[in-house]
Every structure is written in structure tokens, then in C-alpha cells.
Amino acid sequence: MLAKQAWRLVNKCNPVVRALMKAIYYPHSEFLNATIGINPSYIWRSIMEAQEVIRQGSRKRIGDGHGTLVWQDPWLPCEHNGFMTTERNPQLEHVTVANLMTED
């Protein structure tokens, strides 16, 4: 049940609830990158227990690649781990998948 609620936050099923939770608990990130915070409610703590399950099983759609971060988003089609596993270069921390694409 908790994973289902977390999945709804990721998929934007209920925009009002998602906007409220985002404003309170993760205003500067997305759900998959959110932290538990300083004074979490029982509901938020419970939903965060399912975050790792959602993170491991979900993959981000690339589209044009501008909204997908190379090292922070699960975008690779690997069954076990959708995240990049190579060592991060601090200068390239916020590189998007669009930077890896060519128009040809």
C-alpha cells in the first residue's frame, strides 16, 4: 500500500496531493531524490520507506533528454539498476541525457 502511494507521487496521479506533498516535504527535488527531512509526519515517514522500492523498479522516460540527469535519475534499461554506476566527475554533476545525444 505504501509503495502504491509513493508510485502515485512519482506518476502525478493526483495533482493536488502531489503538489501539497512536494511543497511540504521535497520542494527543491523530485520524489525519487527526496530525503526524510527534519520533522517528518508519520505518513511521510511511511511513504519514504517505499521510496527505495520505487527507485529500484522505475525508469525515467528520456524524451528529449533535457529533464533527465545522467547520474541522479534511473534512465538506463538495466533490469537490476537503472542508475549510472561510473564514477561521477564533480564538474559534470548536473549533466542531462540531452548532452549525450547527437541529432544525427
PDB file of N, CA and C in Angstrom:
ATOM      1  N   MET A   1       0.819  -1.192   0.000  1.00  0.00           N
ATOM      2  CA  MET A   1       0.000   0.000   0.000  1.00  0.00           C
ATOM      3  C   MET A   1       0.870   1.266   0.000  1.00  0.00           C
ATOM      4  N   LEU A   2       1.967   1.246   0.762  1.00  0.00           N
ATOM      5  CA  LEU A   2       2.826   2.426   0.818  1.00  0.00           C
ATOM      6  C   LEU A   2       3.518   2.662  -0.513  1.00  0.00           C
ATOM      7  N   ALA A   3       3.944   1.573  -1.136  1.00  0.00           N
ATOM      8  CA  ALA A   3       4.590   1.711  -2.441  1.00  0.00           C
ATOM      9  C   ALA A   3       3.603   2.258  -3.468  1.00  0.00           C
ATOM     10  N   LYS A   4       2.351   1.914  -3.339  1.00  0.00           N
ATOM     11  CA  LYS A   4       1.337   2.434  -4.263  1.00  0.00           C
ATOM     12  C   LYS A   4       1.174   3.948  -4.082  1.00  0.00           C
ATOM     13  N   GLN A   5       1.181   4.415  -2.850  1.00  0.00           N
ATOM     14  CA  GLN A   5       1.086   5.853  -2.598  1.00  0.00           C
ATOM     15  C   GLN A   5       2.326   6.579  -3.116  1.00  0.00           C
ATOM     16  N   ALA A   6       3.493   5.984  -2.920  1.00  0.00           N
ATOM     17  CA  ALA A   6       4.725   6.572  -3.431  1.00  0.00           C
ATOM     18  C   ALA A   6       4.700   6.608  -4.959  1.00  0.00           C
ATOM     19  N   TRP A   7       4.203   5.551  -5.580  1.00  0.00           N
ATOM     20  CA  TRP A   7       4.108   5.496  -7.045  1.00  0.00           C
ATOM     21  C   TRP A   7       3.184   6.602  -7.565  1.00  0.00           C
ATOM     22  N   ARG A   8       2.146   6.896  -6.839  1.00  0.00           N
ATOM     23  CA  ARG A   8       1.240   7.978  -7.241  1.00  0.00           C
ATOM     24  C   ARG A   8       1.930   9.336  -7.186  1.00  0.00           C
ATOM     25  N   LEU A   9       2.846   9.524  -6.246  1.00  0.00           N
ATOM     26  CA  LEU A   9       3.606  10.775  -6.186  1.00  0.00           C
ATOM     27  C   LEU A   9       4.547  10.904  -7.378  1.00  0.00           C
ATOM     28  N   VAL A  10       5.109   9.786  -7.805  1.00  0.00           N
ATOM     29  CA  VAL A  10       6.022   9.793  -8.952  1.00  0.00           C
ATOM     30  C   VAL A  10       5.259  10.044 -10.247  1.00  0.00           C
ATOM     31  N   ASN A  11       4.111   9.406 -10.397  1.00  0.00           N
ATOM     32  CA  ASN A  11       3.346   9.477 -11.648  1.00  0.00           C
ATOM     33  C   ASN A  11       2.367  10.627 -11.720  1.00  0.00           C
ATOM     34  N   LYS A  12       2.314  11.457 -10.697  1.00  0.00           N
ATOM     35  CA  LYS A  12       1.457  12.642 -10.697  1.00  0.00           C
ATOM     36  C   LYS A  12      -0.016  12.289 -10.902  1.00  0.00           C
ATOM     37  N   CYS A  13      -0.459  11.199 -10.264  1.00  0.00           N
ATOM     38  CA  CYS A  13      -1.847  10.759 -10.415  1.00  0.00           C
ATOM     39  C   CYS A  13      -2.842  11.761  -9.834  1.00  0.00           C
ATOM     40  N   ASN A  14      -2.566  12.302  -8.689  1.00  0.00           N
ATOM     41  CA  ASN A  14      -3.438  13.275  -8.055  1.00  0.00           C
ATOM     42  C   ASN A  14      -2.655  14.579  -7.912  1.00  0.00           C
ATOM     43  N   PRO A  15      -2.843  15.513  -8.830  1.00  0.00           N
ATOM     44  CA  PRO A  15      -2.006  16.722  -8.834  1.00  0.00           C
ATOM     45  C   PRO A  15      -2.110  17.568  -7.566  1.00  0.00           C
ATOM     46  N   VAL A  16      -3.257  17.581  -6.918  1.00  0.00           N
ATOM     47  CA  VAL A  16      -3.412  18.389  -5.712  1.00  0.00           C
ATOM     48  C   VAL A  16      -2.601  17.790  -4.565  1.00  0.00           C
ATOM     49  N   VAL A  17      -2.740  16.488  -4.352  1.00  0.00           N
ATOM     50  CA  VAL A  17      -1.996  15.821  -3.275  1.00  0.00           C
ATOM     51  C   VAL A  17      -0.501  15.878  -3.559  1.00  0.00           C
ATOM     52  N   ARG A  18      -0.122  15.647  -4.798  1.00  0.00           N
ATOM     53  CA  ARG A  18       1.294  15.689  -5.164  1.00  0.00           C
ATOM     54  C   ARG A  18       1.876  17.080  -4.915  1.00  0.00           C
ATOM     55  N   ALA A  19       1.163  18.118  -5.323  1.00  0.00           N
ATOM     56  CA  ALA A  19       1.643  19.484  -5.130  1.00  0.00           C
ATOM     57  C   ALA A  19       1.777  19.812  -3.642  1.00  0.00           C
ATOM     58  N   LEU A  20       0.834  19.357  -2.837  1.00  0.00           N
ATOM     59  CA  LEU A  20       0.888  19.591  -1.399  1.00  0.00           C
ATOM     60  C   LEU A  20       2.086  18.877  -0.768  1.00  0.00           C
ATOM     61  N   MET A  21       2.270  17.598  -1.082  1.00  0.00           N
ATOM     62  CA  MET A  21       3.386  16.832  -0.530  1.00  0.00           C
ATOM     63  C   MET A  21       4.717  17.405  -1.001  1.00  0.00           C
ATOM     64  N   LYS A  22       4.779  17.804  -2.261  1.00  0.00           N
ATOM     65  CA  LYS A  22       6.012  18.380  -2.796  1.00  0.00           C
ATOM     66  C   LYS A  22       6.340  19.696  -2.090  1.00  0.00           C
ATOM     67  N   ALA A  23       5.352  20.535  -1.886  1.00  0.00           N
ATOM     68  CA  ALA A  23       5.580  21.825  -1.232  1.00  0.00           C
ATOM     69  C   ALA A  23       6.061  21.646   0.209  1.00  0.00           C
ATOM     70  N   ILE A  24       5.561  20.637   0.885  1.00  0.00           N
ATOM     71  CA  ILE A  24       5.916  20.437   2.290  1.00  0.00           C
ATOM     72  C   ILE A  24       7.219  19.662   2.456  1.00  0.00           C
ATOM     73  N   TYR A  25       7.375  18.549   1.724  1.00  0.00           N
ATOM     74  CA  TYR A  25       8.459  17.612   2.017  1.00  0.00           C
ATOM     75  C   TYR A  25       9.633  17.620   1.041  1.00  0.00           C
ATOM     76  N   TYR A  26       9.414  17.953  -0.227  1.00  0.00           N
ATOM     77  CA  TYR A  26      10.535  17.959  -1.178  1.00  0.00           C
ATOM     78  C   TYR A  26      10.375  19.087  -2.200  1.00  0.00           C
ATOM     79  N   PRO A  27      10.416  20.343  -1.746  1.00  0.00           N
ATOM     80  CA  PRO A  27      10.150  21.475  -2.639  1.00  0.00           C
ATOM     81  C   PRO A  27      11.210  21.703  -3.711  1.00  0.00           C
ATOM     82  N   HIS A  28      12.435  21.248  -3.495  1.00  0.00           N
ATOM     83  CA  HIS A  28      13.513  21.538  -4.450  1.00  0.00           C
ATOM     84  C   HIS A  28      14.014  20.302  -5.181  1.00  0.00           C
ATOM     85  N   SER A  29      13.261  19.219  -5.160  1.00  0.00           N
ATOM     86  CA  SER A  29      13.684  17.999  -5.843  1.00  0.00           C
ATOM     87  C   SER A  29      12.459  17.214  -6.298  1.00  0.00           C
ATOM     88  N   GLU A  30      12.687  16.030  -6.783  1.00  0.00           N
ATOM     89  CA  GLU A  30      11.607  15.113  -7.137  1.00  0.00           C
ATOM     90  C   GLU A  30      11.499  14.048  -6.052  1.00  0.00           C
ATOM     91  N   PHE A  31      10.421  13.282  -6.079  1.00  0.00           N
ATOM     92  CA  PHE A  31      10.187  12.292  -5.026  1.00  0.00           C
ATOM     93  C   PHE A  31      11.329  11.283  -4.926  1.00  0.00           C
ATOM     94  N   LEU A  32      11.846  10.827  -6.047  1.00  0.00           N
ATOM     95  CA  LEU A  32      12.893   9.806  -6.007  1.00  0.00           C
ATOM     96  C   LEU A  32      14.193  10.318  -5.384  1.00  0.00           C
ATOM     97  N   ASN A  33      14.372  11.634  -5.326  1.00  0.00           N
ATOM     98  CA  ASN A  33      15.571  12.213  -4.725  1.00  0.00           C
ATOM     99  C   ASN A  33      15.289  12.866  -3.375  1.00  0.00           C
ATOM    100  N   ALA A  34      14.070  12.771  -2.894  1.00  0.00           N
ATOM    101  CA  ALA A  34      13.683  13.425  -1.640  1.00  0.00           C
ATOM    102  C   ALA A  34      14.318  12.729  -0.439  1.00  0.00           C
ATOM    103  N   THR A  35      14.518  13.503   0.618  1.00  0.00           N
ATOM    104  CA  THR A  35      15.018  12.948   1.880  1.00  0.00           C
ATOM    105  C   THR A  35      13.896  13.011   2.910  1.00  0.00           C
ATOM    106  N   ILE A  36      14.088  12.326   4.012  1.00  0.00           N
ATOM    107  CA  ILE A  36      13.033  12.245   5.016  1.00  0.00           C
ATOM    108  C   ILE A  36      12.814  13.585   5.722  1.00  0.00           C
ATOM    109  N   GLY A  37      13.828  14.417   5.823  1.00  0.00           N
ATOM    110  CA  GLY A  37      13.660  15.740   6.412  1.00  0.00           C
ATOM    111  C   GLY A  37      13.871  15.778   7.911  1.00  0.00           C
ATOM    112  N   ILE A  38      13.624  16.938   8.490  1.00  0.00           N
ATOM    113  CA  ILE A  38      13.906  17.168   9.910  1.00  0.00           C
ATOM    114  C   ILE A  38      12.769  16.698  10.820  1.00  0.00           C
ATOM    115  N   ASN A  39      11.545  17.066  10.496  1.00  0.00           N
ATOM    116  CA  ASN A  39      10.407  16.730  11.352  1.00  0.00           C
ATOM    117  C   ASN A  39       9.292  16.103  10.511  1.00  0.00           C
ATOM    118  N   PRO A  40       9.505  14.879  10.015  1.00  0.00           N
ATOM    119  CA  PRO A  40       8.528  14.265   9.112  1.00  0.00           C
ATOM    120  C   PRO A  40       7.293  13.753   9.860  1.00  0.00           C
ATOM    121  N   SER A  41       6.182  13.776   9.172  1.00  0.00           N
ATOM    122  CA  SER A  41       4.962  13.203   9.741  1.00  0.00           C
ATOM    123  C   SER A  41       5.038  11.680   9.638  1.00  0.00           C
ATOM    124  N   TYR A  42       4.136  11.015  10.313  1.00  0.00           N
ATOM    125  CA  TYR A  42       4.082   9.555  10.266  1.00  0.00           C
ATOM    126  C   TYR A  42       3.797   9.078   8.840  1.00  0.00           C
ATOM    127  N   ILE A  43       2.928   9.781   8.145  1.00  0.00           N
ATOM    128  CA  ILE A  43       2.579   9.409   6.771  1.00  0.00           C
ATOM    129  C   ILE A  43       3.797   9.540   5.861  1.00  0.00           C
ATOM    130  N   TRP A  44       4.509  10.666   5.963  1.00  0.00           N
ATOM    131  CA  TRP A  44       5.683  10.870   5.104  1.00  0.00           C
ATOM    132  C   TRP A  44       6.771   9.846   5.410  1.00  0.00           C
ATOM    133  N   ARG A  45       6.987   9.576   6.684  1.00  0.00           N
ATOM    134  CA  ARG A  45       7.975   8.566   7.059  1.00  0.00           C
ATOM    135  C   ARG A  45       7.610   7.203   6.474  1.00  0.00           C
ATOM    136  N   SER A  46       6.334   6.879   6.503  1.00  0.00           N
ATOM    137  CA  SER A  46       5.867   5.604   5.965  1.00  0.00           C
ATOM    138  C   SER A  46       6.027   5.537   4.451  1.00  0.00           C
ATOM    139  N   ILE A  47       5.691   6.607   3.768  1.00  0.00           N
ATOM    140  CA  ILE A  47       5.845   6.639   2.308  1.00  0.00           C
ATOM    141  C   ILE A  47       7.319   6.546   1.922  1.00  0.00           C
ATOM    142  N   MET A  48       8.183   7.190   2.703  1.00  0.00           N
ATOM    143  CA  MET A  48       9.617   7.149   2.406  1.00  0.00           C
ATOM    144  C   MET A  48      10.210   5.751   2.562  1.00  0.00           C
ATOM    145  N   GLU A  49       9.567   4.905   3.352  1.00  0.00           N
ATOM    146  CA  GLU A  49      10.014   3.520   3.466  1.00  0.00           C
ATOM    147  C   GLU A  49       9.905   2.794   2.120  1.00  0.00           C
ATOM    148  N   ALA A  50       8.969   3.209   1.295  1.00  0.00           N
ATOM    149  CA  ALA A  50       8.759   2.574  -0.008  1.00  0.00           C
ATOM    150  C   ALA A  50       9.550   3.241  -1.125  1.00  0.00           C
ATOM    151  N   GLN A  51      10.217   4.337  -0.828  1.00  0.00           N
ATOM    152  CA  GLN A  51      10.933   5.079  -1.868  1.00  0.00           C
ATOM    153  C   GLN A  51      11.985   4.220  -2.570  1.00  0.00           C
ATOM    154  N   GLU A  52      12.734   3.444  -1.825  1.00  0.00           N
ATOM    155  CA  GLU A  52      13.794   2.622  -2.433  1.00  0.00           C
ATOM    156  C   GLU A  52      13.209   1.555  -3.358  1.00  0.00           C
ATOM    157  N   VAL A  53      12.071   1.001  -2.998  1.00  0.00           N
ATOM    158  CA  VAL A  53      11.405   0.015  -3.855  1.00  0.00           C
ATOM    159  C   VAL A  53      11.010   0.659  -5.177  1.00  0.00           C
ATOM    160  N   ILE A  54      10.438   1.848  -5.113  1.00  0.00           N
ATOM    161  CA  ILE A  54      10.047   2.580  -6.319  1.00  0.00           C
ATOM    162  C   ILE A  54      11.287   2.962  -7.119  1.00  0.00           C
ATOM    163  N   ARG A  55      12.315   3.422  -6.454  1.00  0.00           N
ATOM    164  CA  ARG A  55      13.539   3.847  -7.135  1.00  0.00           C
ATOM    165  C   ARG A  55      14.170   2.682  -7.908  1.00  0.00           C
ATOM    166  N   GLN A  56      14.194   1.508  -7.319  1.00  0.00           N
ATOM    167  CA  GLN A  56      14.819   0.360  -7.977  1.00  0.00           C
ATOM    168  C   GLN A  56      13.996  -0.157  -9.151  1.00  0.00           C
ATOM    169  N   GLY A  57      12.689  -0.025  -9.071  1.00  0.00           N
ATOM    170  CA  GLY A  57      11.842  -0.592 -10.115  1.00  0.00           C
ATOM    171  C   GLY A  57      11.413   0.366 -11.207  1.00  0.00           C
ATOM    172  N   SER A  58      11.685   1.644 -11.059  1.00  0.00           N
ATOM    173  CA  SER A  58      11.206   2.603 -12.054  1.00  0.00           C
ATOM    174  C   SER A  58      12.332   3.058 -12.970  1.00  0.00           C
ATOM    175  N   ARG A  59      11.942   3.475 -14.169  1.00  0.00           N
ATOM    176  CA  ARG A  59      12.873   4.046 -15.138  1.00  0.00           C
ATOM    177  C   ARG A  59      12.246   5.300 -15.700  1.00  0.00           C
ATOM    178  N   LYS A  60      13.045   6.321 -15.899  1.00  0.00           N
ATOM    179  CA  LYS A  60      12.558   7.594 -16.405  1.00  0.00           C
ATOM    180  C   LYS A  60      12.539   7.563 -17.924  1.00  0.00           C
ATOM    181  N   ARG A  61      11.475   8.077 -18.505  1.00  0.00           N
ATOM    182  CA  ARG A  61      11.406   8.204 -19.957  1.00  0.00           C
ATOM    183  C   ARG A  61      12.297   9.352 -20.385  1.00  0.00           C
ATOM    184  N   ILE A  62      13.038   9.134 -21.428  1.00  0.00           N
ATOM    185  CA  ILE A  62      14.035  10.118 -21.838  1.00  0.00           C
ATOM    186  C   ILE A  62      13.419  11.295 -22.575  1.00  0.00           C
ATOM    187  N   GLY A  63      12.590  11.067 -23.566  1.00  0.00           N
ATOM    188  CA  GLY A  63      12.051  12.162 -24.366  1.00  0.00           C
ATOM    189  C   GLY A  63      13.174  12.896 -25.063  1.00  0.00           C
ATOM    190  N   ASP A  64      13.262  14.204 -24.861  1.00  0.00           N
ATOM    191  CA  ASP A  64      14.344  14.968 -25.490  1.00  0.00           C
ATOM    192  C   ASP A  64      15.614  14.948 -24.634  1.00  0.00           C
ATOM    193  N   GLY A  65      15.547  14.406 -23.425  1.00  0.00           N
ATOM    194  CA  GLY A  65      16.716  14.252 -22.574  1.00  0.00           C
ATOM    195  C   GLY A  65      17.037  15.435 -21.691  1.00  0.00           C
ATOM    196  N   HIS A  66      16.339  16.538 -21.840  1.00  0.00           N
ATOM    197  CA  HIS A  66      16.647  17.732 -21.050  1.00  0.00           C
ATOM    198  C   HIS A  66      16.194  17.622 -19.598  1.00  0.00           C
ATOM    199  N   GLY A  67      15.216  16.801 -19.297  1.00  0.00           N
ATOM    200  CA  GLY A  67      14.718  16.672 -17.934  1.00  0.00           C
ATOM    201  C   GLY A  67      15.280  15.481 -17.183  1.00  0.00           C
ATOM    202  N   THR A  68      16.256  14.792 -17.760  1.00  0.00           N
ATOM    203  CA  THR A  68      16.807  13.600 -17.139  1.00  0.00           C
ATOM    204  C   THR A  68      18.282  13.807 -16.826  1.00  0.00           C
ATOM    205  N   LEU A  69      18.618  13.759 -15.551  1.00  0.00           N
ATOM    206  CA  LEU A  69      20.009  13.906 -15.123  1.00  0.00           C
ATOM    207  C   LEU A  69      20.734  12.567 -15.268  1.00  0.00           C
ATOM    208  N   VAL A  70      21.935  12.603 -15.792  1.00  0.00           N
ATOM    209  CA  VAL A  70      22.677  11.379 -16.103  1.00  0.00           C
ATOM    210  C   VAL A  70      22.931  10.537 -14.865  1.00  0.00           C
ATOM    211  N   TRP A  71      23.393  11.143 -13.767  1.00  0.00           N
ATOM    212  CA  TRP A  71      23.780  10.358 -12.599  1.00  0.00           C
ATOM    213  C   TRP A  71      22.713  10.292 -11.518  1.00  0.00           C
ATOM    214  N   GLN A  72      21.716  11.164 -11.540  1.00  0.00           N
ATOM    215  CA  GLN A  72      20.742  11.156 -10.454  1.00  0.00           C
ATOM    216  C   GLN A  72      19.426  10.470 -10.786  1.00  0.00           C
ATOM    217  N   ASP A  73      19.124  10.266 -12.048  1.00  0.00           N
ATOM    218  CA  ASP A  73      17.845   9.673 -12.440  1.00  0.00           C
ATOM    219  C   ASP A  73      18.036   8.245 -12.946  1.00  0.00           C
ATOM    220  N   PRO A  74      17.065   7.355 -12.665  1.00  0.00           N
ATOM    221  CA  PRO A  74      17.139   5.995 -13.197  1.00  0.00           C
ATOM    222  C   PRO A  74      16.640   5.977 -14.641  1.00  0.00           C
ATOM    223  N   TRP A  75      17.525   5.956 -15.602  1.00  0.00           N
ATOM    224  CA  TRP A  75      17.121   6.035 -17.000  1.00  0.00           C
ATOM    225  C   TRP A  75      17.657   4.892 -17.852  1.00  0.00           C
ATOM    226  N   LEU A  76      18.589   4.119 -17.338  1.00  0.00           N
ATOM    227  CA  LEU A  76      19.149   3.011 -18.113  1.00  0.00           C
ATOM    228  C   LEU A  76      18.218   1.811 -18.079  1.00  0.00           C
ATOM    229  N   PRO A  77      18.084   1.080 -19.180  1.00  0.00           N
ATOM    230  CA  PRO A  77      17.139  -0.041 -19.232  1.00  0.00           C
ATOM    231  C   PRO A  77      17.639  -1.322 -18.580  1.00  0.00           C
ATOM    232  N   CYS A  78      18.545  -1.223 -17.632  1.00  0.00           N
ATOM    233  CA  CYS A  78      19.063  -2.393 -16.925  1.00  0.00           C
ATOM    234  C   CYS A  78      18.003  -2.905 -15.948  1.00  0.00           C
ATOM    235  N   GLU A  79      17.871  -4.194 -15.870  1.00  0.00           N
ATOM    236  CA  GLU A  79      16.841  -4.798 -15.019  1.00  0.00           C
ATOM    237  C   GLU A  79      17.120  -4.606 -13.527  1.00  0.00           C
ATOM    238  N   HIS A  80      18.390  -4.608 -13.127  1.00  0.00           N
ATOM    239  CA  HIS A  80      18.741  -4.553 -11.712  1.00  0.00           C
ATOM    240  C   HIS A  80      19.015  -3.147 -11.193  1.00  0.00           C
ATOM    241  N   ASN A  81      19.542  -2.272 -12.050  1.00  0.00           N
ATOM    242  CA  ASN A  81      19.914  -0.934 -11.606  1.00  0.00           C
ATOM    243  C   ASN A  81      19.811   0.018 -12.793  1.00  0.00           C
ATOM    244  N   GLY A  82      18.941   1.013 -12.713  1.00  0.00           N
ATOM    245  CA  GLY A  82      18.758   1.956 -13.804  1.00  0.00           C
ATOM    246  C   GLY A  82      19.640   3.182 -13.708  1.00  0.00           C
ATOM    247  N   PHE A  83      20.494   3.252 -12.689  1.00  0.00           N
ATOM    248  CA  PHE A  83      21.363   4.406 -12.483  1.00  0.00           C
ATOM    249  C   PHE A  83      22.732   4.171 -13.113  1.00  0.00           C
ATOM    250  N   MET A  84      23.415   5.263 -13.459  1.00  0.00           N
ATOM    251  CA  MET A  84      24.796   5.188 -13.933  1.00  0.00           C
ATOM    252  C   MET A  84      25.664   4.724 -12.770  1.00  0.00           C
ATOM    253  N   THR A  85      26.596   3.845 -13.050  1.00  0.00           N
ATOM    254  CA  THR A  85      27.458   3.324 -11.988  1.00  0.00           C
ATOM    255  C   THR A  85      28.899   3.780 -12.122  1.00  0.00           C
ATOM    256  N   THR A  86      29.199   4.567 -13.138  1.00  0.00           N
ATOM    257  CA  THR A  86      30.560   5.068 -13.284  1.00  0.00           C
ATOM    258  C   THR A  86      30.823   6.173 -12.263  1.00  0.00           C
ATOM    259  N   GLU A  87      32.083   6.444 -12.038  1.00  0.00           N
ATOM    260  CA  GLU A  87      32.461   7.471 -11.072  1.00  0.00           C
ATOM    261  C   GLU A  87      32.022   8.848 -11.565  1.00  0.00           C
ATOM    262  N   ARG A  88      31.460   9.640 -10.671  1.00  0.00           N
ATOM    263  CA  ARG A  88      30.980  10.974 -11.024  1.00  0.00           C
ATOM    264  C   ARG A  88      32.127  11.982 -11.047  1.00  0.00           C
ATOM    265  N   ASN A  89      32.098  12.815 -12.059  1.00  0.00           N
ATOM    266  CA  ASN A  89      33.005  13.935 -12.131  1.00  0.00           C
ATOM    267  C   ASN A  89      32.260  15.132 -11.546  1.00  0.00           C
ATOM    268  N   PRO A  90      32.789  15.800 -10.515  1.00  0.00           N
ATOM    269  CA  PRO A  90      32.070  16.912  -9.886  1.00  0.00           C
ATOM    270  C   PRO A  90      31.684  18.029 -10.854  1.00  0.00           C
ATOM    271  N   GLN A  91      32.461  18.224 -11.901  1.00  0.00           N
ATOM    272  CA  GLN A  91      32.149  19.263 -12.874  1.00  0.00           C
ATOM    273  C   GLN A  91      30.960  18.881 -13.758  1.00  0.00           C
ATOM    274  N   LEU A  92      30.663  17.599 -13.833  1.00  0.00           N
ATOM    275  CA  LEU A  92      29.573  17.119 -14.687  1.00  0.00           C
ATOM    276  C   LEU A  92      28.385  16.619 -13.880  1.00  0.00           C
ATOM    277  N   GLU A  93      28.252  17.086 -12.658  1.00  0.00           N
ATOM    278  CA  GLU A  93      27.205  16.615 -11.745  1.00  0.00           C
ATOM    279  C   GLU A  93      25.792  16.817 -12.299  1.00  0.00           C
ATOM    280  N   HIS A  94      25.541  17.912 -12.990  1.00  0.00           N
ATOM    281  CA  HIS A  94      24.191  18.233 -13.451  1.00  0.00           C
ATOM    282  C   HIS A  94      24.034  18.093 -14.965  1.00  0.00           C
ATOM    283  N   VAL A  95      24.782  17.191 -15.555  1.00  0.00           N
ATOM    284  CA  VAL A  95      24.680  16.938 -16.991  1.00  0.00           C
ATOM    285  C   VAL A  95      23.406  16.155 -17.264  1.00  0.00           C
ATOM    286  N   THR A  96      22.711  16.526 -18.317  1.00  0.00           N
ATOM    287  CA  THR A  96      21.485  15.810 -18.694  1.00  0.00           C
ATOM    288  C   THR A  96      21.771  14.831 -19.818  1.00  0.00           C
ATOM    289  N   VAL A  97      20.855  13.920 -20.042  1.00  0.00           N
ATOM    290  CA  VAL A  97      20.995  12.924 -21.095  1.00  0.00           C
ATOM    291  C   VAL A  97      21.022  13.605 -22.465  1.00  0.00           C
ATOM    292  N   ALA A  98      20.408  14.765 -22.581  1.00  0.00           N
ATOM    293  CA  ALA A  98      20.434  15.501 -23.853  1.00  0.00           C
ATOM    294  C   ALA A  98      21.853  15.826 -24.269  1.00  0.00           C
ATOM    295  N   ASN A  99      22.754  16.021 -23.295  1.00  0.00           N
ATOM    296  CA  ASN A  99      24.140  16.298 -23.615  1.00  0.00           C
ATOM    297  C   ASN A  99      24.868  15.090 -24.203  1.00  0.00           C
ATOM    298  N   LEU A 100      24.313  13.910 -24.038  1.00  0.00           N
ATOM    299  CA  LEU A 100      24.914  12.698 -24.575  1.00  0.00           C
ATOM    300  C   LEU A 100      24.391  12.364 -25.965  1.00  0.00           C
ATOM    301  N   MET A 101      23.343  13.039 -26.396  1.00  0.00           N
ATOM    302  CA  MET A 101      22.702  12.743 -27.682  1.00  0.00           C
ATOM    303  C   MET A 101      23.257  13.610 -28.808  1.00  0.00           C
ATOM    304  N   THR A 102      23.222  13.032 -29.999  1.00  0.00           N
ATOM    305  CA  THR A 102      23.512  13.811 -31.210  1.00  0.00           C
ATOM    306  C   THR A 102      22.264  13.796 -32.067  1.00  0.00           C
ATOM    307  N   GLU A 103      22.081  14.837 -32.822  1.00  0.00           N
ATOM    308  CA  GLU A 103      20.861  14.937 -33.640  1.00  0.00           C
ATOM    309  C   GLU A 103      20.929  14.048 -34.887  1.00  0.00           C
ATOM    310  N   ASP A 104      22.116  13.575 -35.205  1.00  0.00           N
ATOM    311  CA  ASP A 104      22.255  12.678 -36.350  1.00  0.00           C
ATOM    312  C   ASP A 104      21.737  11.336 -35.967  1.00  0.00           C
TER     313      ASP A 104
END
